């Protein structure tokens, strides 16, 4: 019997089909692996986001606790401004036009009490939350009235600086590692100005802001 020659064309077609099928199987498997890796990556990202959300929630709750503690400052020293959502000095420290000198001895005594109470509060909070990375920013803001004085911007800053110097002279010194004292002057601008009696804007404001993390 005469032997039939092998059909090379059919062989290569079949072989090509086999290779194509194997290639398709590889693509499917690779795609499945890629989908699995992508899902795993997205799962890790979701877990990280949830962990960060939990941390942020804890930080938020801590800040709320600190804000509640600030509300316990002596009522004869501080009052809450419902319009501007901040605590401010209850006593208006008055300055003469063009002056940054605190002349009234009662004002000096009052400001020393304010500094002492804020220092005590910061130390108590730091002790209570010593396992948390919390810092505090104390803002002393000087203000000036709209008058004919030629340099109200500089004057408002000097008024705030005079309070800081008063505190240091009386030993009211904040730990720079946990508390930053910012001296600022808003001149004849800023918010919370007295619109009825311009002379009352020759004064200072003091605010306490808690902050999670480093100061800088």
N, C-alpha and C. Protein backbone atom coordinates (compact mmCIF):
# COMPACT_ATOMS: atom_id res chain seq x y z
N UNK A 1 0.85 -1.19 0.00
CA UNK A 1 0.00 0.00 0.00
C UNK A 1 0.89 1.24 0.00
N UNK A 2 0.51 2.19 -0.84
CA UNK A 2 1.31 3.42 -0.94
C UNK A 2 1.01 4.33 0.24
N UNK A 3 2.09 4.73 0.90
CA UNK A 3 1.93 5.60 2.08
C UNK A 3 1.53 7.01 1.66
N UNK A 4 0.58 7.59 2.44
CA UNK A 4 0.14 8.95 2.15
C UNK A 4 1.12 9.95 2.74
N UNK A 5 1.43 10.95 1.96
CA UNK A 5 2.31 12.00 2.46
C UNK A 5 1.56 12.83 3.51
N UNK A 6 2.26 13.18 4.56
CA UNK A 6 1.59 14.01 5.59
C UNK A 6 1.20 15.36 5.03
N UNK A 7 0.04 15.85 5.45
CA UNK A 7 -0.45 17.15 5.00
C UNK A 7 0.19 18.24 5.86
N UNK A 8 1.30 18.77 5.33
CA UNK A 8 2.06 19.77 6.11
C UNK A 8 1.23 21.01 6.37
N UNK A 9 0.44 21.41 5.39
CA UNK A 9 -0.39 22.61 5.55
C UNK A 9 -1.38 22.44 6.67
N UNK A 10 -2.04 21.28 6.68
CA UNK A 10 -3.02 21.01 7.73
C UNK A 10 -2.34 20.94 9.09
N UNK A 11 -1.11 20.39 9.08
CA UNK A 11 -0.35 20.25 10.33
C UNK A 11 -0.07 21.63 10.92
N UNK A 12 0.42 22.53 10.05
CA UNK A 12 0.74 23.86 10.53
C UNK A 12 -0.50 24.65 10.94
N UNK A 13 -1.59 24.40 10.22
CA UNK A 13 -2.83 25.06 10.61
C UNK A 13 -3.27 24.60 12.00
N UNK A 14 -3.20 23.26 12.20
CA UNK A 14 -3.57 22.71 13.51
C UNK A 14 -2.64 23.22 14.60
N UNK A 15 -1.33 23.26 14.25
CA UNK A 15 -0.35 23.74 15.22
C UNK A 15 -0.58 25.21 15.55
N UNK A 16 -0.91 25.98 14.51
CA UNK A 16 -1.19 27.40 14.72
C UNK A 16 -2.42 27.58 15.58
N UNK A 17 -3.44 26.75 15.34
CA UNK A 17 -4.65 26.81 16.17
C UNK A 17 -4.32 26.50 17.62
N UNK A 18 -3.45 25.50 17.80
CA UNK A 18 -3.06 25.13 19.16
C UNK A 18 -2.34 26.28 19.85
N UNK A 19 -1.40 26.90 19.11
CA UNK A 19 -0.67 28.03 19.68
C UNK A 19 -1.62 29.19 20.01
N UNK A 20 -2.57 29.41 19.09
CA UNK A 20 -3.53 30.49 19.33
C UNK A 20 -4.37 30.22 20.57
N UNK A 21 -4.79 28.97 20.72
CA UNK A 21 -5.59 28.60 21.88
C UNK A 21 -4.79 28.76 23.17
N UNK A 22 -3.50 28.35 23.09
CA UNK A 22 -2.65 28.50 24.27
C UNK A 22 -2.43 29.97 24.59
N UNK A 23 -2.28 30.78 23.53
CA UNK A 23 -2.10 32.22 23.73
C UNK A 23 -3.33 32.85 24.37
N UNK A 24 -4.51 32.42 23.89
CA UNK A 24 -5.75 32.94 24.46
C UNK A 24 -5.91 32.53 25.93
N UNK A 25 -5.52 31.26 26.20
CA UNK A 25 -5.59 30.79 27.59
C UNK A 25 -4.65 31.61 28.46
N UNK A 26 -3.45 31.91 27.91
CA UNK A 26 -2.48 32.72 28.65
C UNK A 26 -3.03 34.11 28.94
N UNK A 27 -3.69 34.70 27.91
CA UNK A 27 -4.27 36.03 28.10
C UNK A 27 -5.33 36.01 29.17
N UNK A 28 -6.17 34.97 29.15
CA UNK A 28 -7.23 34.85 30.15
C UNK A 28 -6.64 34.74 31.55
N UNK A 29 -5.61 33.86 31.65
CA UNK A 29 -4.98 33.66 32.96
C UNK A 29 -4.27 34.93 33.41
N UNK A 30 -3.59 35.60 32.45
CA UNK A 30 -2.89 36.83 32.79
C UNK A 30 -3.88 37.91 33.21
N UNK A 31 -4.99 37.96 32.45
CA UNK A 31 -6.02 38.94 32.79
C UNK A 31 -6.62 38.68 34.15
N UNK A 32 -6.83 37.40 34.47
CA UNK A 32 -7.38 37.05 35.77
C UNK A 32 -6.40 37.44 36.88
N UNK A 33 -5.11 37.16 36.60
CA UNK A 33 -4.09 37.52 37.59
C UNK A 33 -4.03 39.02 37.76
N UNK A 34 -4.12 39.75 36.63
CA UNK A 34 -4.09 41.22 36.69
C UNK A 34 -5.29 41.75 37.45
N UNK A 35 -6.48 41.16 37.18
CA UNK A 35 -7.68 41.58 37.90
C UNK A 35 -7.52 41.31 39.39
N UNK A 36 -6.93 40.16 39.72
CA UNK A 36 -6.72 39.81 41.12
C UNK A 36 -5.77 40.78 41.78
N UNK A 37 -4.67 41.10 41.05
CA UNK A 37 -3.71 42.07 41.59
C UNK A 37 -4.34 43.44 41.76
N UNK A 38 -5.16 43.83 40.78
CA UNK A 38 -5.82 45.13 40.85
C UNK A 38 -6.80 45.18 42.02
N UNK A 39 -7.54 44.09 42.19
CA UNK A 39 -8.49 44.03 43.30
C UNK A 39 -7.76 44.07 44.64
N UNK A 40 -6.63 43.35 44.69
CA UNK A 40 -5.85 43.35 45.92
C UNK A 40 -5.30 44.74 46.21
N UNK A 41 -4.84 45.42 45.15
CA UNK A 41 -4.32 46.77 45.30
C UNK A 41 -5.42 47.73 45.77
N UNK A 42 -6.59 47.62 45.16
CA UNK A 42 -7.71 48.48 45.55
C UNK A 42 -8.15 48.17 46.98
N UNK A 43 -8.08 46.89 47.36
CA UNK A 43 -8.44 46.50 48.72
C UNK A 43 -7.49 47.10 49.74
N UNK A 44 -6.19 47.10 49.40
CA UNK A 44 -5.20 47.69 50.28
C UNK A 44 -5.41 49.20 50.40
N UNK A 45 -5.72 49.84 49.26
CA UNK A 45 -5.97 51.27 49.27
C UNK A 45 -7.20 51.60 50.11
N UNK A 46 -8.23 50.77 50.03
CA UNK A 46 -9.44 50.98 50.82
C UNK A 46 -9.14 50.83 52.30
N UNK A 47 -8.34 49.80 52.65
CA UNK A 47 -7.97 49.60 54.05
C UNK A 47 -7.19 50.80 54.58
N UNK A 48 -6.27 51.31 53.75
CA UNK A 48 -5.48 52.47 54.16
C UNK A 48 -6.36 53.70 54.35
N UNK A 49 -7.31 53.88 53.41
CA UNK A 49 -8.21 55.03 53.52
C UNK A 49 -9.06 54.94 54.78
N UNK A 50 -9.53 53.73 55.09
CA UNK A 50 -10.35 53.54 56.30
C UNK A 50 -9.52 53.80 57.56
N UNK A 51 -8.25 53.36 57.53
CA UNK A 51 -7.37 53.58 58.67
C UNK A 51 -7.11 55.08 58.87
N UNK A 52 -6.88 55.79 57.76
CA UNK A 52 -6.65 57.23 57.83
C UNK A 52 -7.91 57.96 58.31
N UNK A 53 -9.07 57.47 57.87
CA UNK A 53 -10.33 58.07 58.30
C UNK A 53 -10.52 57.90 59.80
N UNK A 54 -10.15 56.73 60.30
CA UNK A 54 -10.26 56.46 61.73
C UNK A 54 -9.33 57.38 62.52
N UNK A 55 -8.10 57.56 62.00
CA UNK A 55 -7.15 58.44 62.66
C UNK A 55 -7.66 59.88 62.66
N UNK A 56 -8.18 60.32 61.51
CA UNK A 56 -8.72 61.68 61.41
C UNK A 56 -9.89 61.89 62.36
N UNK A 57 -10.71 60.85 62.50
CA UNK A 57 -11.84 60.94 63.42
C UNK A 57 -11.35 61.07 64.85
N UNK A 58 -10.31 60.30 65.20
CA UNK A 58 -9.75 60.39 66.54
C UNK A 58 -9.16 61.78 66.79
N UNK A 59 -8.46 62.32 65.77
CA UNK A 59 -7.89 63.65 65.89
C UNK A 59 -8.99 64.70 66.05
N UNK A 60 -10.06 64.55 65.28
CA UNK A 60 -11.17 65.49 65.37
C UNK A 60 -11.79 65.46 66.76
N UNK A 61 -11.98 64.26 67.31
CA UNK A 61 -12.56 64.13 68.64
C UNK A 61 -11.66 64.75 69.70
N UNK A 62 -10.34 64.57 69.51
CA UNK A 62 -9.39 65.17 70.44
C UNK A 62 -9.45 66.68 70.40
N UNK A 63 -9.51 67.24 69.19
CA UNK A 63 -9.61 68.69 69.04
C UNK A 63 -10.88 69.21 69.70
N UNK A 64 -11.99 68.48 69.54
CA UNK A 64 -13.24 68.90 70.17
C UNK A 64 -13.12 68.88 71.69
N UNK A 65 -12.41 67.89 72.23
CA UNK A 65 -12.20 67.82 73.67
C UNK A 65 -11.38 69.02 74.15
N UNK A 66 -10.35 69.37 73.37
CA UNK A 66 -9.51 70.50 73.74
C UNK A 66 -10.30 71.80 73.68
N UNK A 67 -11.11 71.95 72.64
CA UNK A 67 -11.93 73.15 72.52
C UNK A 67 -12.90 73.26 73.69
N UNK A 68 -13.41 72.10 74.14
CA UNK A 68 -14.30 72.11 75.31
C UNK A 68 -13.54 72.54 76.55
N UNK A 69 -12.27 72.12 76.65
CA UNK A 69 -11.45 72.51 77.80
C UNK A 69 -11.17 74.00 77.78
N UNK A 70 -10.98 74.57 76.59
CA UNK A 70 -10.73 76.01 76.48
C UNK A 70 -11.93 76.80 76.98
N UNK A 71 -13.12 76.22 76.82
CA UNK A 71 -14.33 76.90 77.29
C UNK A 71 -14.36 77.04 78.81
N UNK A 72 -13.51 76.26 79.49
CA UNK A 72 -13.50 76.29 80.94
C UNK A 72 -12.57 77.37 81.50
N UNK A 73 -11.97 78.18 80.60
CA UNK A 73 -11.18 79.30 81.08
C UNK A 73 -12.07 80.24 81.89
N UNK A 74 -11.51 80.92 82.88
CA UNK A 74 -12.33 81.78 83.77
C UNK A 74 -13.21 82.75 83.00
N UNK A 75 -14.47 82.79 83.36
CA UNK A 75 -15.43 83.63 82.65
C UNK A 75 -15.19 85.11 82.88
N UNK A 76 -14.47 85.44 83.94
CA UNK A 76 -14.19 86.85 84.18
C UNK A 76 -13.02 87.35 83.32
N UNK A 77 -12.37 86.40 82.62
CA UNK A 77 -11.25 86.77 81.74
C UNK A 77 -11.62 86.66 80.26
N UNK A 78 -12.39 85.64 79.93
CA UNK A 78 -12.69 85.36 78.52
C UNK A 78 -14.20 85.31 78.29
N UNK A 79 -14.58 85.62 77.06
CA UNK A 79 -15.96 85.47 76.64
C UNK A 79 -16.00 84.96 75.21
N UNK A 80 -17.10 84.28 74.87
CA UNK A 80 -17.22 83.69 73.54
C UNK A 80 -17.95 84.66 72.61
N UNK A 81 -17.34 84.88 71.46
CA UNK A 81 -17.95 85.73 70.44
C UNK A 81 -18.72 84.83 69.48
N UNK A 82 -20.06 84.84 69.60
CA UNK A 82 -20.89 83.95 68.78
C UNK A 82 -20.89 84.35 67.31
N UNK A 83 -20.61 85.59 67.04
CA UNK A 83 -20.60 86.05 65.63
C UNK A 83 -19.38 85.51 64.90
N UNK A 84 -18.20 85.63 65.54
CA UNK A 84 -16.95 85.23 64.89
C UNK A 84 -16.42 83.89 65.39
N UNK A 85 -17.22 83.20 66.24
CA UNK A 85 -16.91 81.84 66.68
C UNK A 85 -15.52 81.76 67.31
N UNK A 86 -15.25 82.59 68.30
CA UNK A 86 -13.94 82.58 68.94
C UNK A 86 -14.06 83.11 70.36
N UNK A 87 -13.09 82.72 71.19
CA UNK A 87 -13.01 83.26 72.54
C UNK A 87 -12.10 84.48 72.53
N UNK A 88 -12.48 85.49 73.27
CA UNK A 88 -11.68 86.70 73.30
C UNK A 88 -11.66 87.26 74.72
N UNK A 89 -10.79 88.22 74.91
CA UNK A 89 -10.67 88.82 76.24
C UNK A 89 -11.96 89.55 76.59
N UNK A 90 -12.38 89.38 77.83
CA UNK A 90 -13.60 90.04 78.27
C UNK A 90 -13.35 91.52 78.55
N UNK A 91 -12.15 91.82 78.94
CA UNK A 91 -11.79 93.21 79.23
C UNK A 91 -11.12 93.82 78.00
N UNK A 92 -11.53 94.99 77.63
CA UNK A 92 -10.93 95.69 76.50
C UNK A 92 -9.70 96.45 76.99
N UNK A 93 -8.53 95.97 76.55
CA UNK A 93 -7.29 96.65 76.91
C UNK A 93 -7.16 97.88 76.03
N UNK A 94 -7.29 99.05 76.63
CA UNK A 94 -7.30 100.28 75.85
C UNK A 94 -5.91 100.92 75.78
N UNK A 95 -5.63 101.46 74.63
CA UNK A 95 -4.39 102.20 74.40
C UNK A 95 -4.76 103.62 73.95
N UNK A 96 -3.86 104.54 74.27
CA UNK A 96 -4.03 105.89 73.75
C UNK A 96 -3.69 105.90 72.27
N UNK A 97 -4.19 106.88 71.54
CA UNK A 97 -3.87 107.00 70.11
C UNK A 97 -2.36 107.14 69.93
N UNK A 98 -1.82 106.29 69.05
CA UNK A 98 -0.39 106.35 68.75
C UNK A 98 0.51 105.73 69.79
N UNK A 99 -0.06 104.98 70.76
CA UNK A 99 0.75 104.42 71.84
C UNK A 99 0.59 102.90 71.93
N UNK A 100 1.68 102.23 72.30
CA UNK A 100 1.62 100.79 72.55
C UNK A 100 1.91 100.48 74.02
N UNK A 101 1.91 101.50 74.85
CA UNK A 101 2.19 101.33 76.27
C UNK A 101 0.91 101.05 77.04
N UNK A 102 0.95 100.01 77.89
CA UNK A 102 -0.19 99.67 78.74
C UNK A 102 -0.05 100.49 80.03
N UNK A 103 -0.82 101.53 80.12
CA UNK A 103 -0.66 102.48 81.23
C UNK A 103 -1.44 102.04 82.46
N UNK A 104 -2.65 101.54 82.25
CA UNK A 104 -3.54 101.18 83.36
C UNK A 104 -2.99 99.95 84.09
N UNK A 105 -2.72 100.10 85.39
CA UNK A 105 -2.18 98.99 86.18
C UNK A 105 -3.18 97.84 86.29
N UNK A 106 -4.47 98.15 86.28
CA UNK A 106 -5.47 97.09 86.32
C UNK A 106 -5.39 96.24 85.06
N UNK A 107 -5.11 96.88 83.92
CA UNK A 107 -4.95 96.14 82.67
C UNK A 107 -3.72 95.24 82.72
N UNK A 108 -2.66 95.74 83.31
CA UNK A 108 -1.43 94.95 83.46
C UNK A 108 -1.70 93.71 84.31
N UNK A 109 -2.37 93.91 85.44
CA UNK A 109 -2.72 92.80 86.32
C UNK A 109 -3.62 91.79 85.59
N UNK A 110 -4.58 92.32 84.88
CA UNK A 110 -5.52 91.48 84.14
C UNK A 110 -4.79 90.65 83.08
N UNK A 111 -3.92 91.27 82.30
CA UNK A 111 -3.19 90.56 81.25
C UNK A 111 -2.26 89.49 81.82
N UNK A 112 -1.68 89.76 82.99
CA UNK A 112 -0.85 88.75 83.63
C UNK A 112 -1.68 87.54 84.06
N UNK A 113 -2.89 87.79 84.53
CA UNK A 113 -3.79 86.68 84.87
C UNK A 113 -4.16 85.88 83.62
N UNK A 114 -4.43 86.60 82.52
CA UNK A 114 -4.75 85.93 81.26
C UNK A 114 -3.61 85.01 80.83
N UNK A 115 -2.39 85.54 80.85
CA UNK A 115 -1.23 84.73 80.46
C UNK A 115 -1.03 83.53 81.35
N UNK A 116 -1.20 83.73 82.65
CA UNK A 116 -1.04 82.63 83.61
C UNK A 116 -2.07 81.54 83.39
N UNK A 117 -3.32 81.92 83.16
CA UNK A 117 -4.39 80.94 82.93
C UNK A 117 -4.16 80.16 81.63
N UNK A 118 -3.72 80.86 80.57
CA UNK A 118 -3.47 80.17 79.30
C UNK A 118 -2.30 79.20 79.45
N UNK A 119 -1.24 79.63 80.14
CA UNK A 119 -0.08 78.76 80.37
C UNK A 119 -0.48 77.53 81.17
N UNK A 120 -1.28 77.72 82.20
CA UNK A 120 -1.74 76.60 83.02
C UNK A 120 -2.59 75.64 82.20
N UNK A 121 -3.47 76.19 81.37
CA UNK A 121 -4.33 75.36 80.53
C UNK A 121 -3.51 74.51 79.57
N UNK A 122 -2.54 75.12 78.90
CA UNK A 122 -1.71 74.39 77.94
C UNK A 122 -0.95 73.27 78.64
N UNK A 123 -0.42 73.53 79.82
CA UNK A 123 0.33 72.51 80.55
C UNK A 123 -0.57 71.36 80.97
N UNK A 124 -1.80 71.67 81.40
CA UNK A 124 -2.75 70.62 81.78
C UNK A 124 -3.14 69.77 80.58
N UNK A 125 -3.40 70.42 79.45
CA UNK A 125 -3.78 69.68 78.24
C UNK A 125 -2.62 68.83 77.74
N UNK A 126 -1.40 69.36 77.84
CA UNK A 126 -0.25 68.60 77.38
C UNK A 126 -0.05 67.36 78.24
N UNK A 127 -0.31 67.49 79.52
CA UNK A 127 -0.19 66.34 80.42
C UNK A 127 -1.29 65.31 80.14
N UNK A 128 -2.50 65.79 79.85
CA UNK A 128 -3.62 64.89 79.60
C UNK A 128 -3.46 64.16 78.27
N UNK A 129 -2.95 64.85 77.26
CA UNK A 129 -2.83 64.26 75.93
C UNK A 129 -1.36 64.03 75.57
N UNK A 130 -0.56 63.64 76.55
CA UNK A 130 0.88 63.48 76.31
C UNK A 130 1.19 62.35 75.33
N UNK A 131 0.24 61.43 75.12
CA UNK A 131 0.47 60.35 74.16
C UNK A 131 0.05 60.75 72.74
N UNK A 132 -0.40 61.99 72.58
CA UNK A 132 -0.83 62.47 71.26
C UNK A 132 0.06 63.62 70.80
N UNK A 133 0.20 63.73 69.49
CA UNK A 133 1.07 64.77 68.92
C UNK A 133 0.27 66.06 68.73
N UNK A 134 0.13 66.80 69.85
CA UNK A 134 -0.69 68.01 69.82
C UNK A 134 0.17 69.23 70.13
N UNK A 135 -0.07 70.29 69.37
CA UNK A 135 0.61 71.56 69.59
C UNK A 135 -0.45 72.66 69.73
N UNK A 136 -0.01 73.81 70.17
CA UNK A 136 -0.93 74.91 70.38
C UNK A 136 -0.35 76.19 69.77
N UNK A 137 -1.23 76.98 69.19
CA UNK A 137 -0.84 78.28 68.64
C UNK A 137 -1.62 79.35 69.40
N UNK A 138 -0.89 80.26 70.01
CA UNK A 138 -1.52 81.38 70.71
C UNK A 138 -1.27 82.63 69.88
N UNK A 139 -2.34 83.25 69.46
CA UNK A 139 -2.24 84.43 68.60
C UNK A 139 -2.56 85.68 69.42
N UNK A 140 -1.60 86.58 69.47
CA UNK A 140 -1.82 87.89 70.09
C UNK A 140 -1.93 88.88 68.94
N UNK A 141 -3.11 89.41 68.76
CA UNK A 141 -3.36 90.32 67.63
C UNK A 141 -3.63 91.73 68.13
N UNK A 142 -2.83 92.66 67.66
CA UNK A 142 -3.03 94.06 68.00
C UNK A 142 -3.93 94.73 66.98
N UNK A 143 -4.69 95.71 67.43
CA UNK A 143 -5.60 96.44 66.55
C UNK A 143 -5.39 97.95 66.74
N UNK A 144 -5.90 98.71 65.79
CA UNK A 144 -5.78 100.18 65.86
C UNK A 144 -7.08 100.80 65.37
N UNK A 145 -7.32 102.01 65.81
CA UNK A 145 -8.54 102.71 65.39
C UNK A 145 -8.27 103.52 64.12
N UNK A 146 -9.33 103.80 63.40
CA UNK A 146 -9.21 104.60 62.19
C UNK A 146 -9.15 106.08 62.59
N UNK A 147 -7.95 106.59 62.59
CA UNK A 147 -7.75 107.98 62.98
C UNK A 147 -6.66 108.58 62.09
N UNK A 148 -6.10 109.66 62.53
CA UNK A 148 -5.09 110.36 61.71
C UNK A 148 -3.67 109.88 61.99
N UNK A 149 -3.52 108.82 62.81
CA UNK A 149 -2.17 108.35 63.08
C UNK A 149 -1.58 107.75 61.81
N UNK A 150 -0.29 108.05 61.54
CA UNK A 150 0.30 107.76 60.23
C UNK A 150 0.74 106.31 60.05
N UNK A 151 0.89 105.52 61.15
CA UNK A 151 1.47 104.18 61.01
C UNK A 151 0.71 103.16 61.87
N UNK A 152 -0.56 103.01 61.60
CA UNK A 152 -1.39 102.12 62.43
C UNK A 152 -1.03 100.64 62.27
N UNK A 153 -0.52 100.25 61.11
CA UNK A 153 -0.14 98.84 60.92
C UNK A 153 0.99 98.46 61.88
N UNK A 154 2.03 99.25 61.91
CA UNK A 154 3.15 98.98 62.82
C UNK A 154 2.71 99.11 64.27
N UNK A 155 1.89 100.10 64.55
CA UNK A 155 1.43 100.33 65.92
C UNK A 155 0.63 99.13 66.44
N UNK A 156 -0.23 98.56 65.61
CA UNK A 156 -1.04 97.42 66.05
C UNK A 156 -0.15 96.23 66.39
N UNK A 157 0.91 96.03 65.61
CA UNK A 157 1.86 94.95 65.91
C UNK A 157 2.58 95.22 67.22
N UNK A 158 2.99 96.45 67.44
CA UNK A 158 3.71 96.79 68.66
C UNK A 158 2.84 96.61 69.89
N UNK A 159 1.55 96.83 69.75
CA UNK A 159 0.64 96.61 70.88
C UNK A 159 0.59 95.14 71.27
N UNK A 160 0.56 94.27 70.26
CA UNK A 160 0.58 92.83 70.54
C UNK A 160 1.92 92.43 71.14
N UNK A 161 2.99 93.00 70.62
CA UNK A 161 4.32 92.69 71.13
C UNK A 161 4.48 93.13 72.58
N UNK A 162 3.84 94.22 72.95
CA UNK A 162 3.94 94.70 74.33
C UNK A 162 3.33 93.70 75.30
N UNK A 163 2.29 92.99 74.88
CA UNK A 163 1.69 91.96 75.74
C UNK A 163 2.64 90.79 75.90
N UNK A 164 3.25 90.36 74.80
CA UNK A 164 4.22 89.26 74.87
C UNK A 164 5.39 89.60 75.78
N UNK A 165 5.88 90.82 75.67
CA UNK A 165 6.99 91.25 76.52
C UNK A 165 6.57 91.32 77.98
N UNK A 166 5.34 91.75 78.24
CA UNK A 166 4.81 91.80 79.60
C UNK A 166 4.81 90.41 80.22
N UNK A 167 4.33 89.43 79.47
CA UNK A 167 4.29 88.06 79.96
C UNK A 167 5.70 87.55 80.29
N UNK A 168 6.64 87.78 79.39
CA UNK A 168 8.00 87.30 79.62
C UNK A 168 8.63 87.95 80.85
N UNK A 169 8.36 89.22 81.04
CA UNK A 169 8.91 89.91 82.21
C UNK A 169 8.38 89.33 83.51
N UNK A 170 7.18 88.77 83.44
CA UNK A 170 6.56 88.20 84.64
C UNK A 170 6.65 86.67 84.68
N UNK A 171 7.56 86.11 83.89
CA UNK A 171 7.82 84.67 83.95
C UNK A 171 6.77 83.80 83.27
N UNK A 172 5.91 84.41 82.47
CA UNK A 172 4.90 83.64 81.74
C UNK A 172 5.49 83.28 80.38
N UNK A 173 6.18 82.14 80.34
CA UNK A 173 6.92 81.73 79.15
C UNK A 173 6.42 80.37 78.70
N UNK A 174 6.04 80.27 77.45
CA UNK A 174 5.48 79.03 76.90
C UNK A 174 6.58 78.15 76.32
N UNK A 175 6.41 76.85 76.50
CA UNK A 175 7.36 75.87 75.95
C UNK A 175 7.29 75.91 74.43
N UNK A 176 8.37 76.31 73.79
CA UNK A 176 8.38 76.46 72.34
C UNK A 176 8.21 75.13 71.60
N UNK A 177 8.45 74.03 72.29
CA UNK A 177 8.30 72.71 71.64
C UNK A 177 6.84 72.31 71.46
N UNK A 178 5.97 72.89 72.28
CA UNK A 178 4.56 72.51 72.19
C UNK A 178 3.64 73.70 71.95
N UNK A 179 4.18 74.89 72.05
CA UNK A 179 3.32 76.06 71.93
C UNK A 179 4.03 77.19 71.19
N UNK A 180 3.39 77.70 70.18
CA UNK A 180 3.93 78.81 69.40
C UNK A 180 3.10 80.06 69.68
N UNK A 181 3.77 81.14 70.05
CA UNK A 181 3.11 82.42 70.27
C UNK A 181 3.33 83.28 69.03
N UNK A 182 2.25 83.63 68.37
CA UNK A 182 2.34 84.45 67.16
C UNK A 182 1.93 85.88 67.48
N UNK A 183 2.79 86.80 67.11
CA UNK A 183 2.52 88.23 67.31
C UNK A 183 2.07 88.81 65.97
N UNK A 184 0.91 89.44 65.97
CA UNK A 184 0.40 89.98 64.70
C UNK A 184 -0.30 91.32 64.94
N UNK A 185 -0.40 92.06 63.86
CA UNK A 185 -1.11 93.33 63.92
C UNK A 185 -2.00 93.48 62.70
N UNK A 186 -3.26 93.78 62.92
CA UNK A 186 -4.21 93.91 61.81
C UNK A 186 -4.46 95.36 61.42
N UNK A 187 -3.76 96.27 62.07
CA UNK A 187 -3.92 97.68 61.72
C UNK A 187 -5.35 98.14 61.91
N UNK A 188 -5.90 98.76 60.86
CA UNK A 188 -7.29 99.21 60.92
C UNK A 188 -8.21 98.25 60.15
N UNK A 189 -7.66 97.03 59.88
CA UNK A 189 -8.46 96.01 59.20
C UNK A 189 -8.82 94.89 60.15
N UNK A 190 -8.98 93.68 59.60
CA UNK A 190 -9.32 92.53 60.43
C UNK A 190 -10.81 92.42 60.68
N UNK A 191 -11.18 91.33 61.32
CA UNK A 191 -12.60 91.07 61.61
C UNK A 191 -12.87 91.31 63.10
N UNK A 192 -14.14 91.48 63.41
CA UNK A 192 -14.53 91.65 64.81
C UNK A 192 -14.28 93.04 65.35
N UNK A 193 -14.20 94.02 64.47
CA UNK A 193 -13.97 95.39 64.93
C UNK A 193 -15.26 96.00 65.47
N UNK A 194 -15.11 96.93 66.39
CA UNK A 194 -16.26 97.64 66.94
C UNK A 194 -16.68 98.72 65.93
N UNK A 195 -17.89 98.58 65.41
CA UNK A 195 -18.36 99.51 64.38
C UNK A 195 -19.09 100.71 64.97
N UNK A 196 -19.38 100.66 66.26
CA UNK A 196 -20.11 101.75 66.91
C UNK A 196 -19.19 102.76 67.58
N UNK A 197 -18.12 102.23 68.16
CA UNK A 197 -17.17 103.10 68.86
C UNK A 197 -15.76 102.78 68.35
N UNK A 198 -15.28 103.60 67.43
CA UNK A 198 -13.99 103.34 66.79
C UNK A 198 -12.84 103.34 67.80
N UNK A 199 -12.94 104.10 68.86
CA UNK A 199 -11.86 104.17 69.85
C UNK A 199 -11.62 102.81 70.53
N UNK A 200 -12.67 101.97 70.60
CA UNK A 200 -12.53 100.66 71.22
C UNK A 200 -11.67 99.71 70.40
N UNK A 201 -11.35 100.09 69.19
CA UNK A 201 -10.50 99.24 68.35
C UNK A 201 -9.01 99.46 68.62
N UNK A 202 -8.69 100.30 69.58
CA UNK A 202 -7.30 100.44 70.04
C UNK A 202 -7.07 99.39 71.13
N UNK A 203 -6.96 98.15 70.72
CA UNK A 203 -6.96 97.05 71.68
C UNK A 203 -6.21 95.85 71.13
N UNK A 204 -6.32 94.72 71.84
CA UNK A 204 -5.70 93.47 71.40
C UNK A 204 -6.71 92.33 71.51
N UNK A 205 -6.47 91.29 70.73
CA UNK A 205 -7.24 90.05 70.80
C UNK A 205 -6.27 88.91 71.07
N UNK A 206 -6.71 87.91 71.82
CA UNK A 206 -5.87 86.74 72.09
C UNK A 206 -6.70 85.50 71.79
N UNK A 207 -6.15 84.61 70.96
CA UNK A 207 -6.85 83.38 70.59
C UNK A 207 -5.95 82.18 70.84
N UNK A 208 -6.56 81.03 71.17
CA UNK A 208 -5.83 79.78 71.40
C UNK A 208 -6.33 78.75 70.39
N UNK A 209 -5.42 78.21 69.59
CA UNK A 209 -5.80 77.25 68.57
C UNK A 209 -5.03 75.94 68.76
N UNK A 210 -5.72 74.83 68.99
CA UNK A 210 -5.03 73.54 69.06
C UNK A 210 -4.71 73.04 67.66
N UNK A 211 -3.63 72.26 67.54
CA UNK A 211 -3.20 71.77 66.24
C UNK A 211 -2.58 70.40 66.40
N UNK A 212 -2.99 69.47 65.51
CA UNK A 212 -2.41 68.13 65.50
C UNK A 212 -1.14 68.16 64.66
N UNK A 213 -0.02 67.69 65.22
CA UNK A 213 1.21 67.59 64.43
C UNK A 213 2.16 68.73 64.74
N UNK A 214 3.17 68.86 63.86
CA UNK A 214 4.22 69.84 64.06
C UNK A 214 3.71 71.26 63.85
N UNK A 215 4.42 72.21 64.44
CA UNK A 215 4.04 73.61 64.30
C UNK A 215 4.42 74.16 62.94
N UNK A 216 5.51 73.66 62.36
CA UNK A 216 5.98 74.16 61.08
C UNK A 216 5.69 73.17 59.96
